[in-house]
Amino acid sequence: MISYVKGPVMSVEGDTIVVEAGPVGLAIHVPLSVLDQLPGIGQQVTVYTYFQVKEDALSLYGFLTRQDRDMFRQLIGVSGIGPKAALGLLSALRPDDLRLAIITGDSKAISKAPGIGAKTAQRLILDLKDKMSAQDVLERMGGGLPGEEIPVSQTAGESAREAVQALVALGYTASEASRAVGKVEGTQDMTAEQVLKASLRFLAF
């Protein structure tokens, strides 16, 4: 199995990049999230890969983190979702946004991806919801954005502060995140994961 590829980016065409690995160039299918963060042509990159073997084809799918590759593996493990649909999901939604959509049961957000209908979105949530937690997302975010002053009540507990930081990292403004968390009652007795889930319900309306 090819676990990762390290080398210079030789070309980018559509959703496929070519990375030089020794004397060969490997064509790797990637989601838009990878294309957005890819270094320039000739620059070094490490791509964590999933190697698919079929009777008529050998295909490589690539990601910039092991966690995103693991997410891809989980997606293609769901009935009705192949590699193409999984790449579509990871292109339509940032990996952390997709994780949160699954955790919170947001089938509407998931079904925005090309080729993913309402039934497939519901099946994906049903199959994967118990395999991931909001705490994983919080840990991946590393406790918020460096250097940014986030308005949180001085009486707020640590769980509320972490939830606000996670929401800001997901793209909400600091004021939106603070207001949503402020609407959640009993945060002192809740985990950061519980506060995050409750806050996202307020932001959905």
C-alpha atoms as a PDB file:
ATOM      1  CA  MET A   1       0.000   0.000   0.000  1.00  0.00           C
ATOM      2  CA  ILE A   2       1.174   3.540  -0.755  1.00  0.00           C
ATOM      3  CA  SER A   3       0.713   5.410   2.537  1.00  0.00           C
ATOM      4  CA  TYR A   4       2.040   8.786   1.426  1.00  0.00           C
ATOM      5  CA  VAL A   5       3.867  10.486  -1.421  1.00  0.00           C
ATOM      6  CA  LYS A   6       6.490  13.193  -0.921  1.00  0.00           C
ATOM      7  CA  GLY A   7       7.955  15.229  -3.737  1.00  0.00           C
ATOM      8  CA  PRO A   8       7.547  18.306  -5.938  1.00  0.00           C
ATOM      9  CA  VAL A   9       4.204  19.155  -7.530  1.00  0.00           C
ATOM     10  CA  MET A  10       4.672  18.756 -11.281  1.00  0.00           C
ATOM     11  CA  SER A  11       1.211  19.675 -12.576  1.00  0.00           C
ATOM     12  CA  VAL A  12      -2.400  20.354 -11.621  1.00  0.00           C
ATOM     13  CA  GLU A  13      -5.301  19.532 -13.927  1.00  0.00           C
ATOM     14  CA  GLY A  14      -8.876  19.503 -12.684  1.00  0.00           C
ATOM     15  CA  ASP A  15      -9.007  17.429  -9.506  1.00  0.00           C
ATOM     16  CA  THR A  16      -5.749  15.626 -10.308  1.00  0.00           C
ATOM     17  CA  ILE A  17      -2.249  16.591  -9.276  1.00  0.00           C
ATOM     18  CA  VAL A  18       0.976  14.940 -10.367  1.00  0.00           C
ATOM     19  CA  VAL A  19       3.677  14.535  -7.724  1.00  0.00           C
ATOM     20  CA  GLU A  20       7.159  13.390  -8.689  1.00  0.00           C
ATOM     21  CA  ALA A  21       8.287  10.385  -6.663  1.00  0.00           C
ATOM     22  CA  GLY A  22      11.758   9.340  -7.740  1.00  0.00           C
ATOM     23  CA  PRO A  23      11.802   8.585 -11.475  1.00  0.00           C
ATOM     24  CA  VAL A  24       7.991   8.552 -11.832  1.00  0.00           C
ATOM     25  CA  GLY A  25       5.152  11.036 -11.600  1.00  0.00           C
ATOM     26  CA  LEU A  26       2.113   9.851  -9.663  1.00  0.00           C
ATOM     27  CA  ALA A  27      -1.358  11.113 -10.621  1.00  0.00           C
ATOM     28  CA  ILE A  28      -3.377  11.710  -7.455  1.00  0.00           C
ATOM     29  CA  HIS A  29      -7.066  12.648  -7.271  1.00  0.00           C
ATOM     30  CA  VAL A  30      -7.684  15.288  -4.596  1.00  0.00           C
ATOM     31  CA  PRO A  31     -10.611  17.339  -3.209  1.00  0.00           C
ATOM     32  CA  LEU A  32     -10.832  21.115  -3.617  1.00  0.00           C
ATOM     33  CA  SER A  33      -9.620  21.579  -0.040  1.00  0.00           C
ATOM     34  CA  VAL A  34      -6.244  20.181  -1.135  1.00  0.00           C
ATOM     35  CA  LEU A  35      -6.080  22.294  -4.300  1.00  0.00           C
ATOM     36  CA  ASP A  36      -6.722  25.426  -2.235  1.00  0.00           C
ATOM     37  CA  GLN A  37      -3.721  24.701   0.017  1.00  0.00           C
ATOM     38  CA  LEU A  38      -1.352  23.215  -2.520  1.00  0.00           C
ATOM     39  CA  PRO A  39       2.089  24.851  -2.896  1.00  0.00           C
ATOM     40  CA  GLY A  40       3.179  26.100  -6.304  1.00  0.00           C
ATOM     41  CA  ILE A  41       4.474  23.998  -9.174  1.00  0.00           C
ATOM     42  CA  GLY A  42       7.898  22.620  -8.307  1.00  0.00           C
ATOM     43  CA  GLN A  43       7.357  23.023  -4.562  1.00  0.00           C
ATOM     44  CA  GLN A  44       7.597  20.071  -2.172  1.00  0.00           C
ATOM     45  CA  VAL A  45       4.409  18.538  -0.795  1.00  0.00           C
ATOM     46  CA  THR A  46       3.528  15.516   1.322  1.00  0.00           C
ATOM     47  CA  VAL A  47       0.266  13.862   0.306  1.00  0.00           C
ATOM     48  CA  TYR A  48      -1.304  11.099   2.425  1.00  0.00           C
ATOM     49  CA  THR A  49      -2.849   8.637   0.038  1.00  0.00           C
ATOM     50  CA  TYR A  50      -5.519   5.993  -0.327  1.00  0.00           C
ATOM     51  CA  PHE A  51      -4.626   3.404  -2.973  1.00  0.00           C
ATOM     52  CA  GLN A  52      -7.604   1.807  -4.718  1.00  0.00           C
ATOM     53  CA  VAL A  53      -7.116  -1.366  -6.744  1.00  0.00           C
ATOM     54  CA  LYS A  54      -9.817  -2.361  -9.238  1.00  0.00           C
ATOM     55  CA  GLU A  55      -9.785  -4.879 -12.051  1.00  0.00           C
ATOM     56  CA  ASP A  56      -9.487  -2.198 -14.706  1.00  0.00           C
ATOM     57  CA  ALA A  57      -7.709   0.598 -12.842  1.00  0.00           C
ATOM     58  CA  LEU A  58      -5.299   1.613 -10.099  1.00  0.00           C
ATOM     59  CA  SER A  59      -6.166   4.950  -8.479  1.00  0.00           C
ATOM     60  CA  LEU A  60      -4.576   7.187  -5.857  1.00  0.00           C
ATOM     61  CA  TYR A  61      -6.580   9.646  -3.755  1.00  0.00           C
ATOM     62  CA  GLY A  62      -4.679  12.212  -1.729  1.00  0.00           C
ATOM     63  CA  PHE A  63      -5.049  14.481   1.308  1.00  0.00           C
ATOM     64  CA  LEU A  64      -2.809  16.848   3.233  1.00  0.00           C
ATOM     65  CA  THR A  65      -3.476  15.254   6.643  1.00  0.00           C
ATOM     66  CA  ARG A  66      -3.896  11.702   7.880  1.00  0.00           C
ATOM     67  CA  GLN A  67      -7.169  12.716   9.541  1.00  0.00           C
ATOM     68  CA  ASP A  68      -8.690  13.817   6.234  1.00  0.00           C
ATOM     69  CA  ARG A  69      -7.562  10.584   4.597  1.00  0.00           C
ATOM     70  CA  ASP A  70      -9.224   8.654   7.425  1.00  0.00           C
ATOM     71  CA  MET A  71     -12.383  10.694   6.840  1.00  0.00           C
ATOM     72  CA  PHE A  72     -12.303   9.674   3.162  1.00  0.00           C
ATOM     73  CA  ARG A  73     -11.974   6.024   4.168  1.00  0.00           C
ATOM     74  CA  GLN A  74     -14.982   6.341   6.455  1.00  0.00           C
ATOM     75  CA  LEU A  75     -17.034   7.965   3.703  1.00  0.00           C
ATOM     76  CA  ILE A  76     -16.370   5.269   1.105  1.00  0.00           C
ATOM     77  CA  GLY A  77     -17.293   2.678   3.720  1.00  0.00           C
ATOM     78  CA  VAL A  78     -20.887   3.940   3.587  1.00  0.00           C
ATOM     79  CA  SER A  79     -23.139   2.094   1.147  1.00  0.00           C
ATOM     80  CA  GLY A  80     -23.764   4.159  -1.974  1.00  0.00           C
ATOM     81  CA  ILE A  81     -20.729   6.422  -1.564  1.00  0.00           C
ATOM     82  CA  GLY A  82     -17.781   5.718  -3.833  1.00  0.00           C
ATOM     83  CA  PRO A  83     -14.494   7.593  -4.152  1.00  0.00           C
ATOM     84  CA  LYS A  84     -15.946  10.166  -6.582  1.00  0.00           C
ATOM     85  CA  ALA A  85     -18.848  11.015  -4.257  1.00  0.00           C
ATOM     86  CA  ALA A  86     -16.500  11.114  -1.250  1.00  0.00           C
ATOM     87  CA  LEU A  87     -14.233  13.612  -3.038  1.00  0.00           C
ATOM     88  CA  GLY A  88     -17.334  15.634  -3.905  1.00  0.00           C
ATOM     89  CA  LEU A  89     -18.316  15.754  -0.243  1.00  0.00           C
ATOM     90  CA  LEU A  90     -14.845  16.847   0.837  1.00  0.00           C
ATOM     91  CA  SER A  91     -14.866  19.507  -1.893  1.00  0.00           C
ATOM     92  CA  ALA A  92     -18.326  20.885  -1.072  1.00  0.00           C
ATOM     93  CA  LEU A  93     -17.642  20.977   2.674  1.00  0.00           C
ATOM     94  CA  ARG A  94     -14.415  21.528   4.563  1.00  0.00           C
ATOM     95  CA  PRO A  95     -13.507  18.295   6.379  1.00  0.00           C
ATOM     96  CA  ASP A  96     -14.238  19.795   9.818  1.00  0.00           C
ATOM     97  CA  ASP A  97     -17.541  21.232   8.562  1.00  0.00           C
ATOM     98  CA  LEU A  98     -18.491  17.804   7.248  1.00  0.00           C
ATOM     99  CA  ARG A  99     -17.619  16.206  10.580  1.00  0.00           C
ATOM    100  CA  LEU A 100     -19.829  18.692  12.411  1.00  0.00           C
ATOM    101  CA  ALA A 101     -22.661  18.203   9.908  1.00  0.00           C
ATOM    102  CA  ILE A 102     -22.528  14.475  10.633  1.00  0.00           C
ATOM    103  CA  ILE A 103     -22.320  14.961  14.403  1.00  0.00           C
ATOM    104  CA  THR A 104     -25.259  17.379  14.462  1.00  0.00           C
ATOM    105  CA  GLY A 105     -27.336  15.435  11.924  1.00  0.00           C
ATOM    106  CA  ASP A 106     -27.373  18.261   9.372  1.00  0.00           C
ATOM    107  CA  SER A 107     -28.470  16.268   6.316  1.00  0.00           C
ATOM    108  CA  LYS A 108     -29.363  19.467   4.431  1.00  0.00           C
ATOM    109  CA  ALA A 109     -25.733  20.633   4.454  1.00  0.00           C
ATOM    110  CA  ILE A 110     -24.474  17.194   3.429  1.00  0.00           C
ATOM    111  CA  SER A 111     -26.949  16.852   0.545  1.00  0.00           C
ATOM    112  CA  LYS A 112     -25.545  20.043  -1.047  1.00  0.00           C
ATOM    113  CA  ALA A 113     -22.607  17.963  -2.277  1.00  0.00           C
ATOM    114  CA  PRO A 114     -22.888  16.765  -5.903  1.00  0.00           C
ATOM    115  CA  GLY A 115     -24.445  13.326  -6.230  1.00  0.00           C
ATOM    116  CA  ILE A 116     -25.575  13.173  -2.595  1.00  0.00           C
ATOM    117  CA  GLY A 117     -29.339  13.022  -2.149  1.00  0.00           C
ATOM    118  CA  ALA A 118     -31.354  13.299   1.047  1.00  0.00           C
ATOM    119  CA  LYS A 119     -31.500   9.524   1.596  1.00  0.00           C
ATOM    120  CA  THR A 120     -27.759   9.087   1.121  1.00  0.00           C
ATOM    121  CA  ALA A 121     -27.088  11.993   3.487  1.00  0.00           C
ATOM    122  CA  GLN A 122     -29.285  10.401   6.153  1.00  0.00           C
ATOM    123  CA  ARG A 123     -27.568   7.031   5.698  1.00  0.00           C
ATOM    124  CA  LEU A 124     -24.162   8.690   5.997  1.00  0.00           C
ATOM    125  CA  ILE A 125     -25.187  10.345   9.268  1.00  0.00           C
ATOM    126  CA  LEU A 126     -26.628   7.088  10.596  1.00  0.00           C
ATOM    127  CA  ASP A 127     -23.493   5.107   9.738  1.00  0.00           C
ATOM    128  CA  LEU A 128     -20.863   7.619  10.885  1.00  0.00           C
ATOM    129  CA  LYS A 129     -22.374   9.681  13.705  1.00  0.00           C
ATOM    130  CA  ASP A 130     -21.230   7.276  16.410  1.00  0.00           C
ATOM    131  CA  LYS A 131     -17.726   7.016  14.926  1.00  0.00           C
ATOM    132  CA  MET A 132     -16.759  10.643  15.489  1.00  0.00           C
ATOM    133  CA  SER A 133     -17.270  13.256  18.141  1.00  0.00           C
ATOM    134  CA  ALA A 134     -17.290  17.019  18.321  1.00  0.00           C
ATOM    135  CA  GLN A 135     -14.374  16.747  20.755  1.00  0.00           C
ATOM    136  CA  ASP A 136     -12.256  15.459  17.867  1.00  0.00           C
ATOM    137  CA  VAL A 137     -13.047  18.646  15.957  1.00  0.00           C
ATOM    138  CA  LEU A 138     -12.200  20.813  18.965  1.00  0.00           C
ATOM    139  CA  GLU A 139      -8.842  19.083  19.374  1.00  0.00           C
ATOM    140  CA  ARG A 140      -8.037  19.476  15.658  1.00  0.00           C
ATOM    141  CA  MET A 141      -8.701  23.198  15.927  1.00  0.00           C
ATOM    142  CA  GLY A 142      -6.061  23.550  18.617  1.00  0.00           C
ATOM    143  CA  GLY A 143      -8.107  25.797  20.882  1.00  0.00           C
ATOM    144  CA  GLY A 144      -8.940  28.650  18.517  1.00  0.00           C
ATOM    145  CA  LEU A 145      -7.205  31.192  16.349  1.00  0.00           C
ATOM    146  CA  PRO A 146      -3.892  32.656  17.510  1.00  0.00           C
ATOM    147  CA  GLY A 147      -3.795  36.353  18.226  1.00  0.00           C
ATOM    148  CA  GLU A 148      -7.540  36.953  18.023  1.00  0.00           C
ATOM    149  CA  GLU A 149      -9.429  38.563  20.890  1.00  0.00           C
ATOM    150  CA  ILE A 150     -12.674  36.624  21.280  1.00  0.00           C
ATOM    151  CA  PRO A 151     -15.384  38.216  23.431  1.00  0.00           C
ATOM    152  CA  VAL A 152     -16.533  35.705  26.026  1.00  0.00           C
ATOM    153  CA  SER A 153     -18.164  36.511  29.335  1.00  0.00           C
ATOM    154  CA  GLN A 154     -15.714  36.494  32.233  1.00  0.00           C
ATOM    155  CA  THR A 155     -18.111  34.202  34.079  1.00  0.00           C
ATOM    156  CA  ALA A 156     -18.197  31.682  31.247  1.00  0.00           C
ATOM    157  CA  GLY A 157     -16.682  28.292  31.957  1.00  0.00           C
ATOM    158  CA  GLU A 158     -13.898  26.634  30.020  1.00  0.00           C
ATOM    159  CA  SER A 159     -16.374  24.589  27.965  1.00  0.00           C
ATOM    160  CA  ALA A 160     -18.114  27.747  26.742  1.00  0.00           C
ATOM    161  CA  ARG A 161     -14.792  29.379  25.852  1.00  0.00           C
ATOM    162  CA  GLU A 162     -13.666  26.343  23.851  1.00  0.00           C
ATOM    163  CA  ALA A 163     -17.005  26.228  22.027  1.00  0.00           C
ATOM    164  CA  VAL A 164     -16.705  29.904  21.026  1.00  0.00           C
ATOM    165  CA  GLN A 165     -13.153  29.330  19.779  1.00  0.00           C
ATOM    166  CA  ALA A 166     -14.288  26.310  17.753  1.00  0.00           C
ATOM    167  CA  LEU A 167     -17.132  28.283  16.136  1.00  0.00           C
ATOM    168  CA  VAL A 168     -14.758  31.108  15.185  1.00  0.00           C
ATOM    169  CA  ALA A 169     -12.379  28.561  13.655  1.00  0.00           C
ATOM    170  CA  LEU A 170     -15.320  27.230  11.632  1.00  0.00           C
ATOM    171  CA  GLY A 171     -15.877  30.637  10.060  1.00  0.00           C
ATOM    172  CA  TYR A 172     -18.452  32.332  12.297  1.00  0.00           C
ATOM    173  CA  THR A 173     -17.625  35.824  13.518  1.00  0.00           C
ATOM    174  CA  ALA A 174     -16.553  36.209  17.124  1.00  0.00           C
ATOM    175  CA  SER A 175     -19.782  38.057  17.937  1.00  0.00           C
ATOM    176  CA  GLU A 176     -21.964  35.394  16.273  1.00  0.00           C
ATOM    177  CA  ALA A 177     -20.147  32.647  18.160  1.00  0.00           C
ATOM    178  CA  SER A 178     -20.353  34.478  21.478  1.00  0.00           C
ATOM    179  CA  ARG A 179     -24.083  35.199  21.070  1.00  0.00           C
ATOM    180  CA  ALA A 180     -24.881  31.592  20.152  1.00  0.00           C
ATOM    181  CA  VAL A 181     -22.962  30.172  23.106  1.00  0.00           C
ATOM    182  CA  GLY A 182     -24.575  32.782  25.362  1.00  0.00           C
ATOM    183  CA  LYS A 183     -28.004  31.375  24.478  1.00  0.00           C
ATOM    184  CA  VAL A 184     -27.063  27.926  25.762  1.00  0.00           C
ATOM    185  CA  GLU A 185     -28.217  27.387  29.338  1.00  0.00           C
ATOM    186  CA  GLY A 186     -26.182  25.474  31.905  1.00  0.00           C
ATOM    187  CA  THR A 187     -22.836  25.572  30.125  1.00  0.00           C
ATOM    188  CA  GLN A 188     -21.021  25.289  33.465  1.00  0.00           C
ATOM    189  CA  ASP A 189     -22.248  21.698  33.716  1.00  0.00           C
ATOM    190  CA  MET A 190     -21.662  20.791  30.060  1.00  0.00           C
ATOM    191  CA  THR A 191     -18.659  19.556  28.099  1.00  0.00           C
ATOM    192  CA  ALA A 192     -17.251  21.647  25.253  1.00  0.00           C
ATOM    193  CA  GLU A 193     -18.730  19.117  22.834  1.00  0.00           C
ATOM    194  CA  GLN A 194     -22.227  19.552  24.300  1.00  0.00           C
ATOM    195  CA  VAL A 195     -21.974  23.359  24.230  1.00  0.00           C
ATOM    196  CA  LEU A 196     -20.774  23.269  20.620  1.00  0.00           C
ATOM    197  CA  LYS A 197     -23.680  21.072  19.517  1.00  0.00           C
ATOM    198  CA  ALA A 198     -26.233  23.255  21.302  1.00  0.00           C
ATOM    199  CA  SER A 199     -24.741  26.464  19.877  1.00  0.00           C
ATOM    200  CA  LEU A 200     -24.856  25.122  16.328  1.00  0.00           C
ATOM    201  CA  ARG A 201     -28.598  24.545  16.703  1.00  0.00           C
ATOM    202  CA  PHE A 202     -29.086  28.268  17.387  1.00  0.00           C
ATOM    203  CA  LEU A 203     -26.889  29.200  14.434  1.00  0.00           C
ATOM    204  CA  ALA A 204     -28.887  26.952  12.106  1.00  0.00           C
ATOM    205  CA  PHE A 205     -31.910  29.268  12.269  1.00  0.00           C
END
